[in-house]
Amino acid sequence: MSNPKPAPPQISPYVFPILLLGFGLWCAYDGWLTTNPEMLKHQMFNRIAAGVLLLWGVVDLYRTHKQERLGKTSTAQSADEPPSA
């Protein structure tokens, strides 16, 4: 007997942009707001990383949202069409 394997759980397409934004905020905190003298050695790296990660996260979040919106409209339009014979 062959039991079909269940499909793996689907993850949200927003996971990657949220992670980028989270790491960007973390780097921003370490680059501008921290008072830890140990982190001052890495201040320039954290400032640059914050700018890159936050920009990348916002762009990816916008693209993901746009793709999701287009995917839902195309699915809704194809559901409205009668099946072709």
PDB file of N, CA and C in Angstrom:
ATOM      1  N   MET A   1       0.845  -1.176   0.000  1.00  0.00           N
ATOM      2  CA  MET A   1       0.000   0.000   0.000  1.00  0.00           C
ATOM      3  C   MET A   1       0.889   1.237   0.000  1.00  0.00           C
ATOM      4  N   SER A   2       0.514   2.183  -0.818  1.00  0.00           N
ATOM      5  CA  SER A   2       1.299   3.411  -0.861  1.00  0.00           C
ATOM      6  C   SER A   2       0.473   4.541  -0.245  1.00  0.00           C
ATOM      7  N   ASN A   3       0.982   5.031   0.835  1.00  0.00           N
ATOM      8  CA  ASN A   3       0.341   6.180   1.476  1.00  0.00           C
ATOM      9  C   ASN A   3       0.972   7.445   0.925  1.00  0.00           C
ATOM     10  N   PRO A   4       0.148   8.347   0.401  1.00  0.00           N
ATOM     11  CA  PRO A   4       0.745   9.597  -0.091  1.00  0.00           C
ATOM     12  C   PRO A   4       1.301  10.405   1.085  1.00  0.00           C
ATOM     13  N   LYS A   5       2.480  10.950   0.878  1.00  0.00           N
ATOM     14  CA  LYS A   5       3.099  11.765   1.925  1.00  0.00           C
ATOM     15  C   LYS A   5       2.350  13.081   2.045  1.00  0.00           C
ATOM     16  N   PRO A   6       2.119  13.529   3.256  1.00  0.00           N
ATOM     17  CA  PRO A   6       1.468  14.833   3.402  1.00  0.00           C
ATOM     18  C   PRO A   6       2.416  15.946   2.968  1.00  0.00           C
ATOM     19  N   ALA A   7       1.840  16.976   2.441  1.00  0.00           N
ATOM     20  CA  ALA A   7       2.648  18.113   1.993  1.00  0.00           C
ATOM     21  C   ALA A   7       3.280  18.800   3.200  1.00  0.00           C
ATOM     22  N   PRO A   8       4.489  19.304   3.030  1.00  0.00           N
ATOM     23  CA  PRO A   8       5.108  20.030   4.149  1.00  0.00           C
ATOM     24  C   PRO A   8       4.316  21.300   4.442  1.00  0.00           C
ATOM     25  N   PRO A   9       4.375  21.760   5.667  1.00  0.00           N
ATOM     26  CA  PRO A   9       3.619  22.970   5.998  1.00  0.00           C
ATOM     27  C   PRO A   9       4.130  24.175   5.211  1.00  0.00           C
ATOM     28  N   GLN A  10       3.224  24.992   4.785  1.00  0.00           N
ATOM     29  CA  GLN A  10       3.579  26.191   4.035  1.00  0.00           C
ATOM     30  C   GLN A  10       3.985  27.298   5.004  1.00  0.00           C
ATOM     31  N   ILE A  11       5.060  27.986   4.681  1.00  0.00           N
ATOM     32  CA  ILE A  11       5.439  29.140   5.491  1.00  0.00           C
ATOM     33  C   ILE A  11       5.016  30.399   4.746  1.00  0.00           C
ATOM     34  N   SER A  12       4.826  31.424   5.481  1.00  0.00           N
ATOM     35  CA  SER A  12       4.395  32.691   4.897  1.00  0.00           C
ATOM     36  C   SER A  12       5.511  33.289   4.046  1.00  0.00           C
ATOM     37  N   PRO A  13       5.168  33.898   2.926  1.00  0.00           N
ATOM     38  CA  PRO A  13       6.207  34.549   2.121  1.00  0.00           C
ATOM     39  C   PRO A  13       6.752  35.805   2.797  1.00  0.00           C
ATOM     40  N   TYR A  14       6.121  36.223   3.888  1.00  0.00           N
ATOM     41  CA  TYR A  14       6.568  37.424   4.599  1.00  0.00           C
ATOM     42  C   TYR A  14       7.650  37.125   5.639  1.00  0.00           C
ATOM     43  N   VAL A  15       8.042  35.867   5.816  1.00  0.00           N
ATOM     44  CA  VAL A  15       9.028  35.519   6.836  1.00  0.00           C
ATOM     45  C   VAL A  15      10.373  36.183   6.540  1.00  0.00           C
ATOM     46  N   PHE A  16      10.864  36.086   5.320  1.00  0.00           N
ATOM     47  CA  PHE A  16      12.173  36.646   4.978  1.00  0.00           C
ATOM     48  C   PHE A  16      12.213  38.170   5.134  1.00  0.00           C
ATOM     49  N   PRO A  17      11.214  38.921   4.601  1.00  0.00           N
ATOM     50  CA  PRO A  17      11.266  40.374   4.810  1.00  0.00           C
ATOM     51  C   PRO A  17      11.192  40.774   6.289  1.00  0.00           C
ATOM     52  N   ILE A  18      10.421  40.026   7.083  1.00  0.00           N
ATOM     53  CA  ILE A  18      10.324  40.338   8.510  1.00  0.00           C
ATOM     54  C   ILE A  18      11.674  40.086   9.195  1.00  0.00           C
ATOM     55  N   LEU A  19      12.344  39.001   8.830  1.00  0.00           N
ATOM     56  CA  LEU A  19      13.673  38.735   9.393  1.00  0.00           C
ATOM     57  C   LEU A  19      14.675  39.822   9.006  1.00  0.00           C
ATOM     58  N   LEU A  20      14.631  40.252   7.745  1.00  0.00           N
ATOM     59  CA  LEU A  20      15.527  41.326   7.311  1.00  0.00           C
ATOM     60  C   LEU A  20      15.289  42.598   8.117  1.00  0.00           C
ATOM     61  N   LEU A  21      14.021  42.957   8.299  1.00  0.00           N
ATOM     62  CA  LEU A  21      13.697  44.157   9.063  1.00  0.00           C
ATOM     63  C   LEU A  21      14.109  44.013  10.527  1.00  0.00           C
ATOM     64  N   GLY A  22      13.923  42.819  11.086  1.00  0.00           N
ATOM     65  CA  GLY A  22      14.329  42.590  12.472  1.00  0.00           C
ATOM     66  C   GLY A  22      15.830  42.733  12.666  1.00  0.00           C
ATOM     67  N   PHE A  23      16.602  42.114  11.778  1.00  0.00           N
ATOM     68  CA  PHE A  23      18.062  42.242  11.876  1.00  0.00           C
ATOM     69  C   PHE A  23      18.501  43.679  11.597  1.00  0.00           C
ATOM     70  N   GLY A  24      17.803  44.361  10.694  1.00  0.00           N
ATOM     71  CA  GLY A  24      18.120  45.758  10.418  1.00  0.00           C
ATOM     72  C   GLY A  24      17.891  46.643  11.632  1.00  0.00           C
ATOM     73  N   LEU A  25      16.786  46.397  12.344  1.00  0.00           N
ATOM     74  CA  LEU A  25      16.514  47.167  13.559  1.00  0.00           C
ATOM     75  C   LEU A  25      17.545  46.862  14.648  1.00  0.00           C
ATOM     76  N   TRP A  26      17.937  45.613  14.734  1.00  0.00           N
ATOM     77  CA  TRP A  26      18.956  45.221  15.705  1.00  0.00           C
ATOM     78  C   TRP A  26      20.275  45.943  15.403  1.00  0.00           C
ATOM     79  N   CYS A  27      20.671  45.960  14.141  1.00  0.00           N
ATOM     80  CA  CYS A  27      21.897  46.657  13.766  1.00  0.00           C
ATOM     81  C   CYS A  27      21.770  48.163  13.984  1.00  0.00           C
ATOM     82  N   ALA A  28      20.585  48.709  13.741  1.00  0.00           N
ATOM     83  CA  ALA A  28      20.370  50.143  13.975  1.00  0.00           C
ATOM     84  C   ALA A  28      20.524  50.468  15.455  1.00  0.00           C
ATOM     85  N   TYR A  29      19.990  49.611  16.307  1.00  0.00           N
ATOM     86  CA  TYR A  29      20.139  49.831  17.751  1.00  0.00           C
ATOM     87  C   TYR A  29      21.614  49.799  18.133  1.00  0.00           C
ATOM     88  N   ASP A  30      22.329  48.774  17.649  1.00  0.00           N
ATOM     89  CA  ASP A  30      23.751  48.668  17.983  1.00  0.00           C
ATOM     90  C   ASP A  30      24.580  49.774  17.342  1.00  0.00           C
ATOM     91  N   GLY A  31      24.132  50.324  16.234  1.00  0.00           N
ATOM     92  CA  GLY A  31      24.899  51.358  15.546  1.00  0.00           C
ATOM     93  C   GLY A  31      24.688  52.754  16.086  1.00  0.00           C
ATOM     94  N   TRP A  32      23.466  53.047  16.585  1.00  0.00           N
ATOM     95  CA  TRP A  32      23.178  54.406  17.020  1.00  0.00           C
ATOM     96  C   TRP A  32      22.765  54.555  18.483  1.00  0.00           C
ATOM     97  N   LEU A  33      22.139  53.560  19.066  1.00  0.00           N
ATOM     98  CA  LEU A  33      21.544  53.765  20.387  1.00  0.00           C
ATOM     99  C   LEU A  33      22.268  53.091  21.544  1.00  0.00           C
ATOM    100  N   THR A  34      23.085  52.108  21.291  1.00  0.00           N
ATOM    101  CA  THR A  34      23.704  51.363  22.383  1.00  0.00           C
ATOM    102  C   THR A  34      24.738  52.211  23.124  1.00  0.00           C
ATOM    103  N   THR A  35      24.858  51.923  24.407  1.00  0.00           N
ATOM    104  CA  THR A  35      25.881  52.601  25.218  1.00  0.00           C
ATOM    105  C   THR A  35      26.972  51.621  25.634  1.00  0.00           C
ATOM    106  N   ASN A  36      26.904  50.404  25.125  1.00  0.00           N
ATOM    107  CA  ASN A  36      27.889  49.382  25.443  1.00  0.00           C
ATOM    108  C   ASN A  36      29.217  49.740  24.775  1.00  0.00           C
ATOM    109  N   PRO A  37      30.276  49.982  25.571  1.00  0.00           N
ATOM    110  CA  PRO A  37      31.556  50.377  24.974  1.00  0.00           C
ATOM    111  C   PRO A  37      32.160  49.278  24.090  1.00  0.00           C
ATOM    112  N   GLU A  38      31.815  48.025  24.356  1.00  0.00           N
ATOM    113  CA  GLU A  38      32.314  46.916  23.534  1.00  0.00           C
ATOM    114  C   GLU A  38      31.751  46.992  22.117  1.00  0.00           C
ATOM    115  N   MET A  39      30.526  47.480  21.972  1.00  0.00           N
ATOM    116  CA  MET A  39      29.889  47.547  20.656  1.00  0.00           C
ATOM    117  C   MET A  39      30.337  48.770  19.857  1.00  0.00           C
ATOM    118  N   LEU A  40      30.982  49.727  20.489  1.00  0.00           N
ATOM    119  CA  LEU A  40      31.436  50.915  19.778  1.00  0.00           C
ATOM    120  C   LEU A  40      32.506  50.583  18.741  1.00  0.00           C
ATOM    121  N   LYS A  41      33.189  49.448  18.934  1.00  0.00           N
ATOM    122  CA  LYS A  41      34.189  49.016  17.950  1.00  0.00           C
ATOM    123  C   LYS A  41      33.520  48.633  16.633  1.00  0.00           C
ATOM    124  N   HIS A  42      32.262  48.219  16.706  1.00  0.00           N
ATOM    125  CA  HIS A  42      31.536  47.738  15.534  1.00  0.00           C
ATOM    126  C   HIS A  42      30.479  48.735  15.061  1.00  0.00           C
ATOM    127  N   GLN A  43      30.573  49.958  15.518  1.00  0.00           N
ATOM    128  CA  GLN A  43      29.541  50.945  15.241  1.00  0.00           C
ATOM    129  C   GLN A  43      29.365  51.221  13.746  1.00  0.00           C
ATOM    130  N   MET A  44      30.421  51.417  13.017  1.00  0.00           N
ATOM    131  CA  MET A  44      30.312  51.720  11.585  1.00  0.00           C
ATOM    132  C   MET A  44      29.717  50.536  10.821  1.00  0.00           C
ATOM    133  N   PHE A  45      30.155  49.318  11.144  1.00  0.00           N
ATOM    134  CA  PHE A  45      29.594  48.134  10.497  1.00  0.00           C
ATOM    135  C   PHE A  45      28.088  48.053  10.744  1.00  0.00           C
ATOM    136  N   ASN A  46      27.667  48.268  11.987  1.00  0.00           N
ATOM    137  CA  ASN A  46      26.242  48.172  12.319  1.00  0.00           C
ATOM    138  C   ASN A  46      25.420  49.255  11.631  1.00  0.00           C
ATOM    139  N   ARG A  47      25.977  50.428  11.495  1.00  0.00           N
ATOM    140  CA  ARG A  47      25.245  51.505  10.806  1.00  0.00           C
ATOM    141  C   ARG A  47      25.051  51.178   9.327  1.00  0.00           C
ATOM    142  N   ILE A  48      26.105  50.679   8.686  1.00  0.00           N
ATOM    143  CA  ILE A  48      25.990  50.318   7.269  1.00  0.00           C
ATOM    144  C   ILE A  48      25.051  49.125   7.105  1.00  0.00           C
ATOM    145  N   ALA A  49      25.208  48.117   7.968  1.00  0.00           N
ATOM    146  CA  ALA A  49      24.349  46.933   7.893  1.00  0.00           C
ATOM    147  C   ALA A  49      22.888  47.313   8.123  1.00  0.00           C
ATOM    148  N   ALA A  50      22.631  48.232   9.041  1.00  0.00           N
ATOM    149  CA  ALA A  50      21.260  48.662   9.296  1.00  0.00           C
ATOM    150  C   ALA A  50      20.659  49.293   8.048  1.00  0.00           C
ATOM    151  N   GLY A  51      21.402  50.164   7.388  1.00  0.00           N
ATOM    152  CA  GLY A  51      20.891  50.800   6.174  1.00  0.00           C
ATOM    153  C   GLY A  51      20.604  49.789   5.078  1.00  0.00           C
ATOM    154  N   VAL A  52      21.525  48.857   4.877  1.00  0.00           N
ATOM    155  CA  VAL A  52      21.354  47.851   3.828  1.00  0.00           C
ATOM    156  C   VAL A  52      20.183  46.929   4.153  1.00  0.00           C
ATOM    157  N   LEU A  53      20.149  46.395   5.377  1.00  0.00           N
ATOM    158  CA  LEU A  53      19.108  45.427   5.744  1.00  0.00           C
ATOM    159  C   LEU A  53      17.722  46.061   5.791  1.00  0.00           C
ATOM    160  N   LEU A  54      17.622  47.283   6.305  1.00  0.00           N
ATOM    161  CA  LEU A  54      16.315  47.933   6.362  1.00  0.00           C
ATOM    162  C   LEU A  54      15.799  48.261   4.961  1.00  0.00           C
ATOM    163  N   LEU A  55      16.677  48.750   4.107  1.00  0.00           N
ATOM    164  CA  LEU A  55      16.266  49.041   2.730  1.00  0.00           C
ATOM    165  C   LEU A  55      15.857  47.761   2.006  1.00  0.00           C
ATOM    166  N   TRP A  56      16.672  46.725   2.135  1.00  0.00           N
ATOM    167  CA  TRP A  56      16.379  45.444   1.505  1.00  0.00           C
ATOM    168  C   TRP A  56      15.065  44.875   2.034  1.00  0.00           C
ATOM    169  N   GLY A  57      14.836  44.980   3.337  1.00  0.00           N
ATOM    170  CA  GLY A  57      13.608  44.469   3.942  1.00  0.00           C
ATOM    171  C   GLY A  57      12.373  45.200   3.438  1.00  0.00           C
ATOM    172  N   VAL A  58      12.448  46.508   3.326  1.00  0.00           N
ATOM    173  CA  VAL A  58      11.302  47.289   2.844  1.00  0.00           C
ATOM    174  C   VAL A  58      11.012  46.961   1.381  1.00  0.00           C
ATOM    175  N   VAL A  59      12.054  46.885   0.557  1.00  0.00           N
ATOM    176  CA  VAL A  59      11.865  46.564  -0.859  1.00  0.00           C
ATOM    177  C   VAL A  59      11.281  45.160  -1.010  1.00  0.00           C
ATOM    178  N   ASP A  60      11.809  44.197  -0.269  1.00  0.00           N
ATOM    179  CA  ASP A  60      11.317  42.824  -0.367  1.00  0.00           C
ATOM    180  C   ASP A  60       9.897  42.709   0.176  1.00  0.00           C
ATOM    181  N   LEU A  61       9.575  43.439   1.217  1.00  0.00           N
ATOM    182  CA  LEU A  61       8.212  43.441   1.758  1.00  0.00           C
ATOM    183  C   LEU A  61       7.235  43.994   0.728  1.00  0.00           C
ATOM    184  N   TYR A  62       7.615  45.064   0.051  1.00  0.00           N
ATOM    185  CA  TYR A  62       6.769  45.646  -0.994  1.00  0.00           C
ATOM    186  C   TYR A  62       6.576  44.659  -2.144  1.00  0.00           C
ATOM    187  N   ARG A  63       7.677  44.043  -2.604  1.00  0.00           N
ATOM    188  CA  ARG A  63       7.580  43.081  -3.716  1.00  0.00           C
ATOM    189  C   ARG A  63       6.736  41.872  -3.335  1.00  0.00           C
ATOM    190  N   THR A  64       6.900  41.374  -2.115  1.00  0.00           N
ATOM    191  CA  THR A  64       6.123  40.225  -1.662  1.00  0.00           C
ATOM    192  C   THR A  64       4.648  40.573  -1.586  1.00  0.00           C
ATOM    193  N   HIS A  65       4.345  41.737  -1.049  1.00  0.00           N
ATOM    194  CA  HIS A  65       2.942  42.170  -0.955  1.00  0.00           C
ATOM    195  C   HIS A  65       2.333  42.323  -2.345  1.00  0.00           C
ATOM    196  N   LYS A  66       3.103  42.881  -3.262  1.00  0.00           N
ATOM    197  CA  LYS A  66       2.620  43.067  -4.637  1.00  0.00           C
ATOM    198  C   LYS A  66       2.369  41.706  -5.299  1.00  0.00           C
ATOM    199  N   GLN A  67       3.276  40.752  -5.126  1.00  0.00           N
ATOM    200  CA  GLN A  67       3.092  39.420  -5.703  1.00  0.00           C
ATOM    201  C   GLN A  67       1.879  38.719  -5.105  1.00  0.00           C
ATOM    202  N   GLU A  68       1.705  38.833  -3.796  1.00  0.00           N
ATOM    203  CA  GLU A  68       0.553  38.216  -3.146  1.00  0.00           C
ATOM    204  C   GLU A  68      -0.747  38.811  -3.671  1.00  0.00           C
ATOM    205  N   ARG A  69      -0.776  40.124  -3.828  1.00  0.00           N
ATOM    206  CA  ARG A  69      -1.981  40.796  -4.316  1.00  0.00           C
ATOM    207  C   ARG A  69      -2.284  40.379  -5.756  1.00  0.00           C
ATOM    208  N   LEU A  70      -1.249  40.301  -6.607  1.00  0.00           N
ATOM    209  CA  LEU A  70      -1.455  39.865  -7.992  1.00  0.00           C
ATOM    210  C   LEU A  70      -1.873  38.402  -8.063  1.00  0.00           C
ATOM    211  N   GLY A  71      -1.330  37.574  -7.186  1.00  0.00           N
ATOM    212  CA  GLY A  71      -1.687  36.163  -7.156  1.00  0.00           C
ATOM    213  C   GLY A  71      -3.137  35.956  -6.758  1.00  0.00           C
ATOM    214  N   LYS A  72      -3.615  36.746  -5.814  1.00  0.00           N
ATOM    215  CA  LYS A  72      -5.013  36.621  -5.378  1.00  0.00           C
ATOM    216  C   LYS A  72      -5.962  37.101  -6.467  1.00  0.00           C
ATOM    217  N   THR A  73      -5.593  38.166  -7.184  1.00  0.00           N
ATOM    218  CA  THR A  73      -6.483  38.652  -8.255  1.00  0.00           C
ATOM    219  C   THR A  73      -6.511  37.671  -9.410  1.00  0.00           C
ATOM    220  N   SER A  74      -5.381  37.091  -9.766  1.00  0.00           N
ATOM    221  CA  SER A  74      -5.387  36.140 -10.874  1.00  0.00           C
ATOM    222  C   SER A  74      -6.145  34.877 -10.490  1.00  0.00           C
ATOM    223  N   THR A  75      -6.066  34.454  -9.232  1.00  0.00           N
ATOM    224  CA  THR A  75      -6.811  33.287  -8.774  1.00  0.00           C
ATOM    225  C   THR A  75      -8.303  33.582  -8.776  1.00  0.00           C
ATOM    226  N   ALA A  76      -8.678  34.784  -8.351  1.00  0.00           N
ATOM    227  CA  ALA A  76     -10.096  35.158  -8.335  1.00  0.00           C
ATOM    228  C   ALA A  76     -10.637  35.254  -9.759  1.00  0.00           C
ATOM    229  N   GLN A  77      -9.849  35.772 -10.689  1.00  0.00           N
ATOM    230  CA  GLN A  77     -10.302  35.890 -12.074  1.00  0.00           C
ATOM    231  C   GLN A  77     -10.440  34.514 -12.714  1.00  0.00           C
ATOM    232  N   SER A  78      -9.523  33.612 -12.443  1.00  0.00           N
ATOM    233  CA  SER A  78      -9.608  32.281 -13.045  1.00  0.00           C
ATOM    234  C   SER A  78     -10.764  31.482 -12.442  1.00  0.00           C
ATOM    235  N   ALA A  79     -11.151  31.782 -11.211  1.00  0.00           N
ATOM    236  CA  ALA A  79     -12.281  31.102 -10.594  1.00  0.00           C
ATOM    237  C   ALA A  79     -13.592  31.581 -11.212  1.00  0.00           C
ATOM    238  N   ASP A  80     -13.632  32.827 -11.704  1.00  0.00           N
ATOM    239  CA  ASP A  80     -14.838  33.371 -12.308  1.00  0.00           C
ATOM    240  C   ASP A  80     -15.060  32.855 -13.726  1.00  0.00           C
ATOM    241  N   GLU A  81     -13.997  32.429 -14.392  1.00  0.00           N
ATOM    242  CA  GLU A  81     -14.127  31.963 -15.779  1.00  0.00           C
ATOM    243  C   GLU A  81     -14.750  30.569 -15.809  1.00  0.00           C
ATOM    244  N   PRO A  82     -15.627  30.323 -16.781  1.00  0.00           N
ATOM    245  CA  PRO A  82     -16.189  28.980 -16.897  1.00  0.00           C
ATOM    246  C   PRO A  82     -15.148  28.004 -17.417  1.00  0.00           C
ATOM    247  N   PRO A  83     -15.233  26.742 -17.048  1.00  0.00           N
ATOM    248  CA  PRO A  83     -14.234  25.777 -17.525  1.00  0.00           C
ATOM    249  C   PRO A  83     -14.339  25.605 -19.035  1.00  0.00           C
ATOM    250  N   SER A  84     -13.185  25.506 -19.677  1.00  0.00           N
ATOM    251  CA  SER A  84     -13.165  25.359 -21.126  1.00  0.00           C
ATOM    252  C   SER A  84     -13.421  23.891 -21.485  1.00  0.00           C
ATOM    253  N   ALA A  85     -14.146  23.689 -22.578  1.00  0.00           N
ATOM    254  CA  ALA A  85     -14.489  22.319 -22.968  1.00  0.00           C
ATOM    255  C   ALA A  85     -13.468  21.739 -23.901  1.00  0.00           C
TER     256      ALA A  85
END
